[in-house]
Amino acid sequence: MKSFDEDAFKAVHAQGGQIVSIRVNPSKTGQRTTNNEQLERVPWSSNGYYLPERPSFTSDPVFHAGAYYVQEASSMFLEEALKQSIDLSQPIKVLDLCAAPGGKSTLIQSLISKDSLLVSNEVIKTRVRILSENITKWGAANVIVTNNDPKDFQRLENYFDVIVVDAPCSGSGIFRKDPGAISEWSENNVQLCAQRQQRILADVMPALKEGGVLIYSTCSYSRQEDEEIADWLVEQFAVGSLQLAIGESWGIIETVSAKYNSFGYRFYPDKVKGEGFFIAAFKKGQVAESIHEIKKHPSAPLRISAPLRISAPLRISAPPSTKKNTEKVTAKEVAIIGSFLSNAGDFVFIKQQDDILAIPANIADDLTLLQSALYIKKAGIKIGSIIRDELIPAHELAGSNFISPSVTRFDVEKETALQYLRREEIKIDTEYKGWALLTYQQLTLGWIKLLENRINNYYPAAWRILNK
């Protein structure tokens, strides 16, 4: 393998230790003063930083507020792959196919325009909750979270401008980070993973537009899961391989596949400050000037499609079963909601049972379309429910980037913030009564309701900090 230094590779694994890196949320970090300028930057990420040591993230209210995401540095190179392969300033539709726990989805969301749409999908049902939680904390509205098998996207032929597939793999790239993964690795598992990767890609490729971009990545060093998958993609789909520019000092190794000279990018922990990673980018159906000229397979690309069905009712987690599921939001209710949002006119409002959802107006038609083909777990922002002309606000509204600045806020010290995050009783010296946001360093943590003799804590029970 090109530029592979076996001795250095073994030495860095023998040394052990972990590289700790975070990626800050540009939509939230502008609200506070940070010391990021004192941290070492991840060179291929505009918002990525290395930490000198691993702190207790659980004990940091800023983490719970969604101001940053703990992400492995090598995988942040997805930013460069996206920036170099598509115009991110234009409205585009992006699918993150294997999205949980949410690192790549939150990265993508920070890069795309507000008029773009991100579909963040996770096939494993038990992992969807943490994905939805991280998307909620990120504060974005233009993300739809789905729980579907890749084959379900065959109904959406030529729909997405970009598809990101961070494929399940044999995991050899994370041996330093997770030594337990060594016992699970085998040559047989590599072959099984390669077959699964082909199945995933074959199932989802029909959903990519002609001229659209596919970004494929793994945390494996195995050629069968990396360069050989790139050659397989060329053979099956006549895709063009995209060559990406990399900084000379970055330590990233550019490789070329054996059969069709497709470009790939390898991250070795003895050469980069990060874990093992592989990434490659492709353009479907055409070869642009920036794409390496490759020999294409003479057969027509594999196509899997099914008719797209369109139906009206919104489906969140379960099909509508009562009339209440499609009940319209009244003008009076919209007026009540409007006082909580900074730009209510940018949304359409839909009532799902008793909950009111705010959907960005520019993706409302897409949501109507997608709900007929996919199992949607989260869309837009859950505003809350209205009871006797009072909005009972949802936590999603508190964490969103669209909460009105006129909503009452109480900024507290770290100990009070942690008490709140543990769903303990908190005290605030004020005469104010009613709903308010609790903040730490001007970053929103969630809702409280101040009553005559107590303060009710509305932090989600499922998210509470369990340890002291």
Protein backbone atom coordinates (compact mmCIF):
# COMPACT_ATOMS: atom_id res chain seq x y z
CA MET A 1 0.00 0.00 0.00
CA LYS A 2 1.33 3.43 -1.00
CA SER A 3 3.26 5.29 1.75
CA PHE A 4 2.36 2.70 4.36
CA ASP A 5 5.08 2.53 7.03
CA GLU A 6 4.54 -0.69 8.96
CA ASP A 7 7.00 0.11 11.75
CA ALA A 8 5.59 3.59 12.40
CA PHE A 9 2.06 2.23 12.16
CA LYS A 10 2.77 -0.43 14.80
CA ALA A 11 4.58 2.06 17.02
CA VAL A 12 1.71 4.55 17.17
CA HIS A 13 -0.70 1.76 18.09
CA ALA A 14 1.66 0.47 20.77
CA GLN A 15 1.85 3.92 22.32
CA GLY A 16 -1.90 3.94 22.83
CA GLY A 17 -3.61 7.13 23.91
CA GLN A 18 -6.43 8.97 22.20
CA ILE A 19 -6.66 12.05 20.05
CA VAL A 20 -9.53 14.22 21.29
CA SER A 21 -11.23 16.56 18.84
CA ILE A 22 -14.42 18.58 18.69
CA ARG A 23 -16.30 20.49 16.02
CA VAL A 24 -18.05 23.64 17.14
CA ASN A 25 -21.57 24.58 16.09
CA PRO A 26 -21.29 27.83 14.10
CA SER A 27 -24.99 28.56 14.63
CA LYS A 28 -24.54 28.65 18.40
CA THR A 29 -20.96 29.57 19.19
CA GLY A 30 -21.52 33.11 17.98
CA GLN A 31 -23.66 33.63 21.08
CA ARG A 32 -20.71 33.39 23.48
CA THR A 33 -17.03 34.16 23.88
CA THR A 34 -14.86 31.11 23.25
CA ASN A 35 -11.20 30.27 23.73
CA ASN A 36 -11.07 28.33 20.48
CA GLU A 37 -8.25 30.52 19.17
CA GLN A 38 -6.02 28.95 21.83
CA LEU A 39 -6.69 25.44 20.53
CA GLU A 40 -4.95 23.60 17.71
CA ARG A 41 -7.13 23.50 14.61
CA VAL A 42 -8.01 20.42 12.61
CA PRO A 43 -6.46 21.51 9.29
CA TRP A 44 -9.21 20.15 7.02
CA SER A 45 -12.13 21.47 9.08
CA SER A 46 -13.23 25.09 9.44
CA ASN A 47 -14.82 24.37 12.84
CA GLY A 48 -12.68 21.49 14.11
CA TYR A 49 -10.29 21.71 17.06
CA TYR A 50 -8.03 19.37 19.00
CA LEU A 51 -8.23 19.33 22.78
CA PRO A 52 -5.06 18.84 24.84
CA GLU A 53 -6.81 16.17 26.93
CA ARG A 54 -10.20 14.55 27.22
CA PRO A 55 -12.41 16.47 29.65
CA SER A 56 -15.64 15.26 31.20
CA PHE A 57 -18.04 16.22 28.43
CA THR A 58 -20.94 15.01 30.55
CA SER A 59 -20.11 17.70 33.11
CA ASP A 60 -19.98 20.50 30.52
CA PRO A 61 -23.30 22.34 30.06
CA VAL A 62 -21.94 23.84 26.82
CA PHE A 63 -21.80 20.33 25.36
CA HIS A 64 -25.42 19.64 26.34
CA ALA A 65 -26.44 22.96 24.77
CA GLY A 66 -25.26 21.71 21.37
CA ALA A 67 -22.44 24.25 21.05
CA TYR A 68 -20.04 21.56 19.87
CA TYR A 69 -19.94 17.92 18.83
CA VAL A 70 -17.23 15.45 19.86
CA GLN A 71 -16.05 14.02 16.54
CA GLU A 72 -13.01 12.06 15.41
CA ALA A 73 -10.75 14.42 13.45
CA SER A 74 -10.09 12.25 10.37
CA SER A 75 -13.81 11.94 9.63
CA MET A 76 -14.11 15.74 9.54
CA PHE A 77 -12.42 15.57 6.11
CA LEU A 78 -15.95 15.07 4.81
CA GLU A 79 -16.09 18.88 4.82
CA GLU A 80 -13.33 19.12 2.21
CA ALA A 81 -14.91 16.37 0.12
CA LEU A 82 -18.19 18.27 0.04
CA LYS A 83 -16.70 21.71 -0.58
CA GLN A 84 -14.60 20.44 -3.46
CA SER A 85 -17.30 18.41 -5.17
CA ILE A 86 -20.46 20.57 -5.11
CA ASP A 87 -21.57 24.20 -4.76
CA LEU A 88 -22.82 24.30 -1.18
CA SER A 89 -24.23 27.81 -1.55
CA GLN A 90 -27.03 26.50 -3.78
CA PRO A 91 -30.20 24.77 -2.52
CA ILE A 92 -29.40 21.05 -2.60
CA LYS A 93 -30.84 17.83 -1.23
CA VAL A 94 -28.42 15.67 0.75
CA LEU A 95 -28.86 12.15 2.14
CA ASP A 96 -26.69 10.94 5.00
CA LEU A 97 -27.55 7.27 4.67
CA CYS A 98 -25.83 5.75 7.73
CA ALA A 99 -26.15 8.73 10.01
CA ALA A 100 -26.17 7.70 13.70
CA PRO A 101 -25.01 9.03 16.05
CA GLY A 102 -25.00 12.26 14.04
CA GLY A 103 -21.44 13.51 13.59
CA LYS A 104 -21.51 13.66 9.82
CA SER A 105 -25.10 14.94 9.71
CA THR A 106 -24.34 17.87 12.01
CA LEU A 107 -21.24 18.61 9.92
CA ILE A 108 -23.27 18.53 6.70
CA GLN A 109 -25.99 20.72 8.19
CA SER A 110 -23.43 23.36 9.13
CA LEU A 111 -22.18 23.48 5.54
CA ILE A 112 -25.36 23.52 3.46
CA SER A 113 -27.47 26.62 2.88
CA LYS A 114 -30.63 27.33 4.86
CA ASP A 115 -32.64 26.57 1.71
CA SER A 116 -31.16 23.08 1.42
CA LEU A 117 -32.55 19.83 2.83
CA LEU A 118 -30.70 17.12 4.73
CA VAL A 119 -32.27 13.69 5.15
CA SER A 120 -30.48 11.99 8.02
CA ASN A 121 -31.19 8.26 7.95
CA GLU A 122 -30.39 5.43 10.32
CA VAL A 123 -31.46 1.87 9.57
CA ILE A 124 -31.02 0.55 13.14
CA LYS A 125 -34.09 1.57 15.11
CA THR A 126 -32.34 1.66 18.50
CA ARG A 127 -29.82 4.21 17.19
CA VAL A 128 -32.40 6.64 15.81
CA ARG A 129 -33.09 8.18 19.21
CA ILE A 130 -29.50 9.39 19.74
CA LEU A 131 -29.44 10.65 16.14
CA SER A 132 -32.64 12.67 16.70
CA GLU A 133 -31.29 13.96 20.02
CA ASN A 134 -28.08 15.23 18.43
CA ILE A 135 -29.94 16.84 15.53
CA THR A 136 -32.24 18.54 18.05
CA LYS A 137 -29.31 19.85 20.08
CA TRP A 138 -27.71 21.19 16.90
CA GLY A 139 -30.76 23.43 16.55
CA ALA A 140 -31.41 22.97 12.83
CA ALA A 141 -34.82 22.97 11.15
CA ASN A 142 -33.92 21.79 7.63
CA VAL A 143 -33.23 18.19 8.67
CA ILE A 144 -35.57 15.21 8.35
CA VAL A 145 -34.60 12.12 10.36
CA THR A 146 -35.68 8.78 8.90
CA ASN A 147 -35.48 5.12 9.92
CA ASN A 148 -35.24 3.18 6.65
CA ASP A 149 -33.32 0.44 4.92
CA PRO A 150 -31.24 1.68 1.96
CA LYS A 151 -33.52 -0.15 -0.48
CA ASP A 152 -36.43 2.09 0.56
CA PHE A 153 -34.70 5.00 -1.17
CA GLN A 154 -35.19 3.27 -4.52
CA ARG A 155 -38.62 4.94 -4.52
CA LEU A 156 -36.87 8.31 -4.79
CA GLU A 157 -35.13 7.94 -8.13
CA ASN A 158 -32.86 10.87 -9.10
CA TYR A 159 -33.89 12.85 -6.00
CA PHE A 160 -30.70 13.68 -4.09
CA ASP A 161 -27.87 15.94 -5.22
CA VAL A 162 -25.47 14.36 -2.72
CA ILE A 163 -25.47 11.00 -0.96
CA VAL A 164 -23.02 10.33 1.86
CA VAL A 165 -22.43 6.68 2.76
CA ASP A 166 -20.23 6.18 5.81
CA ALA A 167 -20.55 2.45 5.49
CA PRO A 168 -20.51 -0.19 8.23
CA CYS A 169 -17.08 -1.81 8.03
CA SER A 170 -14.64 -4.20 9.69
CA GLY A 171 -13.26 -1.37 11.84
CA SER A 172 -9.49 -1.80 11.52
CA GLY A 173 -9.06 1.97 11.48
CA ILE A 174 -10.25 2.32 15.07
CA PHE A 175 -8.01 -0.30 16.70
CA ARG A 176 -6.07 2.39 18.60
CA LYS A 177 -9.25 4.12 19.74
CA ASP A 178 -11.10 0.88 20.50
CA PRO A 179 -8.73 -2.06 21.16
CA GLY A 180 -11.76 -4.28 21.70
CA ALA A 181 -12.46 -4.06 17.97
CA ILE A 182 -9.34 -6.15 17.31
CA SER A 183 -11.01 -9.31 18.61
CA GLU A 184 -13.94 -8.79 16.24
CA TRP A 185 -11.77 -8.39 13.13
CA SER A 186 -11.19 -11.26 10.70
CA GLU A 187 -10.57 -11.70 6.98
CA ASN A 188 -13.96 -13.36 6.73
CA ASN A 189 -15.58 -10.33 8.36
CA VAL A 190 -13.82 -8.07 5.84
CA GLN A 191 -15.41 -10.04 2.99
CA LEU A 192 -18.82 -9.94 4.63
CA CYS A 193 -18.51 -6.18 5.15
CA ALA A 194 -17.49 -5.63 1.52
CA GLN A 195 -20.56 -7.55 0.35
CA ARG A 196 -22.78 -5.52 2.64
CA GLN A 197 -21.22 -2.29 1.41
CA GLN A 198 -21.98 -3.27 -2.18
CA ARG A 199 -25.58 -4.07 -1.25
CA ILE A 200 -26.00 -0.72 0.51
CA LEU A 201 -24.55 1.22 -2.41
CA ALA A 202 -26.53 -0.70 -5.04
CA ASP A 203 -29.74 -0.06 -3.12
CA VAL A 204 -29.22 3.68 -2.74
CA MET A 205 -27.59 4.69 -6.04
CA PRO A 206 -30.89 5.08 -7.94
CA ALA A 207 -31.79 7.92 -5.56
CA LEU A 208 -28.77 9.96 -6.68
CA LYS A 209 -29.36 12.44 -9.49
CA GLU A 210 -27.46 12.22 -12.74
CA GLY A 211 -24.49 14.47 -12.13
CA GLY A 212 -24.93 14.06 -8.38
CA VAL A 213 -22.11 13.36 -5.94
CA LEU A 214 -21.56 10.18 -3.93
CA ILE A 215 -19.16 10.32 -0.99
CA TYR A 216 -18.13 6.94 0.36
CA SER A 217 -16.13 6.38 3.53
CA THR A 218 -15.11 3.67 5.99
CA CYS A 219 -12.95 3.31 9.09
CA SER A 220 -11.22 0.30 7.53
CA TYR A 221 -7.75 -0.16 6.02
CA SER A 222 -8.79 -3.17 3.92
CA ARG A 223 -8.54 -2.71 0.14
CA GLN A 224 -11.63 -4.91 -0.26
CA GLU A 225 -13.70 -2.28 1.58
CA ASP A 226 -11.99 0.77 0.10
CA GLU A 227 -10.27 0.84 -3.31
CA GLU A 228 -11.97 -2.33 -4.52
CA ILE A 229 -15.36 -0.86 -3.67
CA ALA A 230 -14.36 2.20 -5.71
CA ASP A 231 -13.61 -0.02 -8.71
CA TRP A 232 -16.89 -1.86 -8.21
CA LEU A 233 -18.77 1.45 -8.26
CA VAL A 234 -17.15 2.38 -11.58
CA GLU A 235 -18.08 -0.97 -13.08
CA GLN A 236 -21.67 -0.97 -11.90
CA PHE A 237 -22.61 2.69 -12.23
CA ALA A 238 -20.08 4.30 -14.61
CA VAL A 239 -19.33 6.95 -12.00
CA GLY A 240 -16.43 9.36 -12.34
CA SER A 241 -13.78 9.50 -9.65
CA LEU A 242 -13.20 12.93 -8.13
CA GLN A 243 -9.66 13.94 -7.25
CA LEU A 244 -9.55 16.10 -4.13
CA ALA A 245 -6.91 18.68 -3.23
CA ILE A 246 -5.09 17.94 0.01
CA GLY A 247 -2.61 20.07 1.92
CA GLU A 248 1.00 18.91 1.73
CA SER A 249 1.37 19.10 5.51
CA TRP A 250 -1.84 17.21 6.28
CA GLY A 251 -0.32 13.73 6.05
CA ILE A 252 -3.26 12.31 4.06
CA ILE A 253 -2.29 9.63 1.54
CA GLU A 254 -3.87 9.71 -1.94
CA THR A 255 -4.31 6.25 -3.45
CA VAL A 256 -5.34 5.05 -6.90
CA SER A 257 -7.38 1.88 -7.33
CA ALA A 258 -5.87 -1.04 -9.24
CA LYS A 259 -8.44 -1.45 -12.00
CA TYR A 260 -9.89 1.96 -12.86
CA ASN A 261 -7.47 4.44 -11.25
CA SER A 262 -10.12 5.79 -8.89
CA PHE A 263 -8.87 8.20 -6.26
CA GLY A 264 -9.13 7.44 -2.57
CA TYR A 265 -7.79 9.15 0.54
CA ARG A 266 -6.30 7.24 3.46
CA PHE A 267 -5.67 8.49 6.98
CA TYR A 268 -3.03 6.61 8.97
CA PRO A 269 -2.65 7.47 12.67
CA ASP A 270 1.15 7.62 12.36
CA LYS A 271 0.81 10.32 9.68
CA VAL A 272 -2.24 12.36 10.74
CA LYS A 273 -3.53 13.50 14.09
CA GLY A 274 -6.55 11.23 13.93
CA GLU A 275 -7.70 7.64 13.56
CA GLY A 276 -7.75 5.36 10.52
CA PHE A 277 -10.14 6.48 7.80
CA PHE A 278 -10.79 6.14 4.06
CA ILE A 279 -12.88 8.43 1.87
CA ALA A 280 -13.58 8.74 -1.85
CA ALA A 281 -15.86 10.96 -3.94
CA PHE A 282 -17.62 10.18 -7.21
CA LYS A 283 -19.84 11.94 -9.73
CA LYS A 284 -22.70 9.97 -11.24
CA GLY A 285 -23.33 9.72 -14.95
CA GLN A 286 -20.83 12.23 -16.28
CA VAL A 287 -17.15 13.11 -16.18
CA ALA A 288 -16.46 16.74 -15.33
CA GLU A 289 -13.17 18.56 -16.04
CA SER A 290 -12.04 18.10 -12.45
CA ILE A 291 -12.60 14.36 -12.58
CA HIS A 292 -9.83 11.93 -13.40
CA GLU A 293 -10.39 10.32 -16.82
CA ILE A 294 -11.14 6.67 -16.24
CA LYS A 295 -12.09 3.67 -18.34
CA LYS A 296 -15.78 3.04 -17.92
CA HIS A 297 -17.44 -0.33 -17.88
CA PRO A 298 -19.24 -0.90 -21.21
CA SER A 299 -22.49 -2.11 -19.70
CA ALA A 300 -25.31 0.21 -18.67
CA PRO A 301 -25.33 1.24 -15.01
CA LEU A 302 -27.43 -0.80 -12.65
CA ARG A 303 -30.80 0.87 -12.06
CA ILE A 304 -33.31 -0.02 -9.37
CA SER A 305 -36.47 2.00 -9.21
CA ALA A 306 -40.04 1.93 -8.01
CA PRO A 307 -42.84 4.41 -8.60
CA LEU A 308 -42.92 7.34 -6.20
CA ARG A 309 -46.18 7.68 -4.30
CA ILE A 310 -47.41 11.05 -3.07
CA SER A 311 -50.01 11.41 -0.35
CA ALA A 312 -51.05 14.34 1.76
CA PRO A 313 -50.93 13.48 5.47
CA LEU A 314 -47.70 14.02 7.38
CA ARG A 315 -46.37 10.83 8.92
CA ILE A 316 -44.12 11.19 11.93
CA SER A 317 -43.20 7.83 13.51
CA ALA A 318 -46.56 6.24 12.70
CA PRO A 319 -49.24 6.53 10.01
CA PRO A 320 -52.13 8.90 10.70
CA SER A 321 -54.93 6.98 12.35
CA THR A 322 -57.35 9.69 13.44
CA LYS A 323 -58.70 12.94 12.12
CA LYS A 324 -56.59 14.83 14.65
CA ASN A 325 -53.44 13.79 12.78
CA THR A 326 -54.29 16.08 9.87
CA GLU A 327 -55.93 18.89 11.83
CA LYS A 328 -54.96 22.32 10.57
CA VAL A 329 -53.30 24.92 12.75
CA THR A 330 -55.63 27.88 13.23
CA ALA A 331 -54.70 31.52 12.71
CA LYS A 332 -55.09 32.08 16.45
CA GLU A 333 -52.66 29.25 17.20
CA VAL A 334 -50.18 30.63 14.67
CA ALA A 335 -50.33 33.98 16.45
CA ILE A 336 -49.55 32.31 19.78
CA ILE A 337 -46.65 30.40 18.23
CA GLY A 338 -45.33 33.50 16.51
CA SER A 339 -44.34 35.16 19.76
CA PHE A 340 -41.88 32.31 20.42
CA LEU A 341 -40.19 32.30 16.99
CA SER A 342 -37.84 34.90 15.59
CA ASN A 343 -39.03 34.38 12.00
CA ALA A 344 -42.39 32.61 12.05
CA GLY A 345 -43.08 33.66 8.46
CA ASP A 346 -40.39 31.28 7.22
CA PHE A 347 -42.34 28.25 8.44
CA VAL A 348 -45.52 26.35 7.78
CA PHE A 349 -47.20 24.79 10.80
CA ILE A 350 -48.66 21.30 10.95
CA LYS A 351 -50.50 19.68 13.84
CA GLN A 352 -49.48 16.09 14.53
CA GLN A 353 -51.92 14.79 17.13
CA ASP A 354 -51.57 17.46 19.86
CA ASP A 355 -48.10 18.65 18.82
CA ILE A 356 -47.50 21.53 16.46
CA LEU A 357 -44.52 21.24 14.13
CA ALA A 358 -42.75 24.11 12.38
CA ILE A 359 -41.53 23.07 8.94
CA PRO A 360 -39.34 25.42 6.87
CA ALA A 361 -41.61 26.59 4.07
CA ASN A 362 -39.04 25.77 1.40
CA ILE A 363 -38.96 22.05 2.34
CA ALA A 364 -42.67 21.56 3.08
CA ASP A 365 -43.36 20.04 -0.34
CA ASP A 366 -40.35 17.77 0.04
CA LEU A 367 -41.68 16.54 3.36
CA THR A 368 -45.05 15.73 1.81
CA LEU A 369 -43.21 13.78 -0.86
CA LEU A 370 -40.82 11.98 1.48
CA GLN A 371 -43.44 10.90 3.97
CA SER A 372 -45.02 8.68 1.33
CA ALA A 373 -41.79 6.77 0.81
CA LEU A 374 -39.96 6.87 4.15
CA TYR A 375 -40.49 6.24 7.83
CA ILE A 376 -40.02 9.71 9.30
CA LYS A 377 -38.95 10.04 12.92
CA LYS A 378 -38.35 13.78 13.14
CA ALA A 379 -39.01 16.75 10.88
CA GLY A 380 -38.55 20.48 11.39
CA ILE A 381 -39.01 21.76 14.93
CA LYS A 382 -41.56 20.50 17.43
CA ILE A 383 -43.03 23.71 18.85
CA GLY A 384 -45.26 22.16 21.51
CA SER A 385 -48.99 21.99 22.18
CA ILE A 386 -51.54 24.72 22.83
CA ILE A 387 -53.88 24.25 25.78
CA ARG A 388 -56.40 26.96 26.69
CA ASP A 389 -54.60 29.51 24.52
CA GLU A 390 -51.25 28.82 26.19
CA LEU A 391 -48.30 27.23 24.40
CA ILE A 392 -46.76 24.37 26.35
CA PRO A 393 -43.38 24.62 24.63
CA ALA A 394 -41.43 21.57 23.51
CA HIS A 395 -37.74 21.11 24.23
CA GLU A 396 -36.99 21.14 20.49
CA LEU A 397 -38.13 24.76 20.38
CA ALA A 398 -35.79 25.71 23.22
CA GLY A 399 -32.78 24.17 21.51
CA SER A 400 -33.56 25.50 18.05
CA ASN A 401 -31.73 28.32 16.32
CA PHE A 402 -35.05 30.08 15.70
CA ILE A 403 -36.24 30.87 19.21
CA SER A 404 -37.29 34.51 19.60
CA PRO A 405 -34.87 36.77 21.51
CA SER A 406 -37.91 38.23 23.30
CA VAL A 407 -38.46 34.99 25.26
CA THR A 408 -37.47 35.49 28.91
CA ARG A 409 -34.12 33.95 29.83
CA PHE A 410 -32.21 33.29 33.04
CA ASP A 411 -28.46 32.75 32.73
CA VAL A 412 -27.06 30.63 35.56
CA GLU A 413 -23.74 29.43 36.95
CA LYS A 414 -22.34 25.99 36.15
CA GLU A 415 -23.57 24.24 39.31
CA THR A 416 -27.16 25.39 38.76
CA ALA A 417 -26.88 24.39 35.11
CA LEU A 418 -25.77 20.89 36.09
CA GLN A 419 -28.58 20.62 38.63
CA TYR A 420 -31.00 21.48 35.84
CA LEU A 421 -29.42 18.90 33.50
CA ARG A 422 -29.86 16.28 36.23
CA ARG A 423 -33.53 17.34 36.47
CA GLU A 424 -33.03 18.42 40.06
CA GLU A 425 -34.77 21.31 41.77
CA ILE A 426 -33.18 24.67 41.03
CA LYS A 427 -33.58 28.09 42.61
CA ILE A 428 -33.54 31.51 40.94
CA ASP A 429 -34.01 34.80 42.75
CA THR A 430 -36.73 36.52 40.71
CA GLU A 431 -40.32 37.72 40.92
CA TYR A 432 -41.02 36.59 37.35
CA LYS A 433 -43.72 33.96 36.81
CA GLY A 434 -44.26 31.87 33.71
CA TRP A 435 -42.26 30.08 31.02
CA ALA A 436 -38.59 30.94 30.57
CA LEU A 437 -35.40 29.59 29.08
CA LEU A 438 -32.54 28.52 31.31
CA THR A 439 -29.17 29.39 29.78
CA TYR A 440 -25.52 28.88 30.60
CA GLN A 441 -22.99 31.30 29.10
CA GLN A 442 -25.94 32.57 27.02
CA LEU A 443 -26.47 29.09 25.51
CA THR A 444 -29.93 27.61 25.93
CA LEU A 445 -30.29 24.45 28.01
CA GLY A 446 -34.09 24.15 28.08
CA TRP A 447 -37.38 25.30 29.57
CA ILE A 448 -38.36 26.10 33.12
CA LYS A 449 -41.68 27.35 34.44
CA LEU A 450 -41.58 29.67 37.41
CA LEU A 451 -44.56 29.28 39.72
CA GLU A 452 -45.49 30.93 43.03
CA ASN A 453 -43.56 28.53 45.27
CA ARG A 454 -41.32 26.50 42.96
CA ILE A 455 -39.63 26.23 39.59
CA ASN A 456 -40.63 23.31 37.38
CA ASN A 457 -37.79 21.67 35.46
CA TYR A 458 -38.76 20.66 31.90
CA TYR A 459 -35.46 19.18 30.75
CA PRO A 460 -36.24 15.88 28.91
CA ALA A 461 -36.11 13.00 31.37
CA ALA A 462 -34.49 10.70 28.81
CA TRP A 463 -31.58 13.13 28.41
CA ARG A 464 -30.86 13.86 32.05
CA ILE A 465 -27.37 13.42 33.50
CA LEU A 466 -27.46 10.36 35.71
CA ASN A 467 -24.13 10.66 37.49
CA LYS A 468 -23.16 13.33 39.99
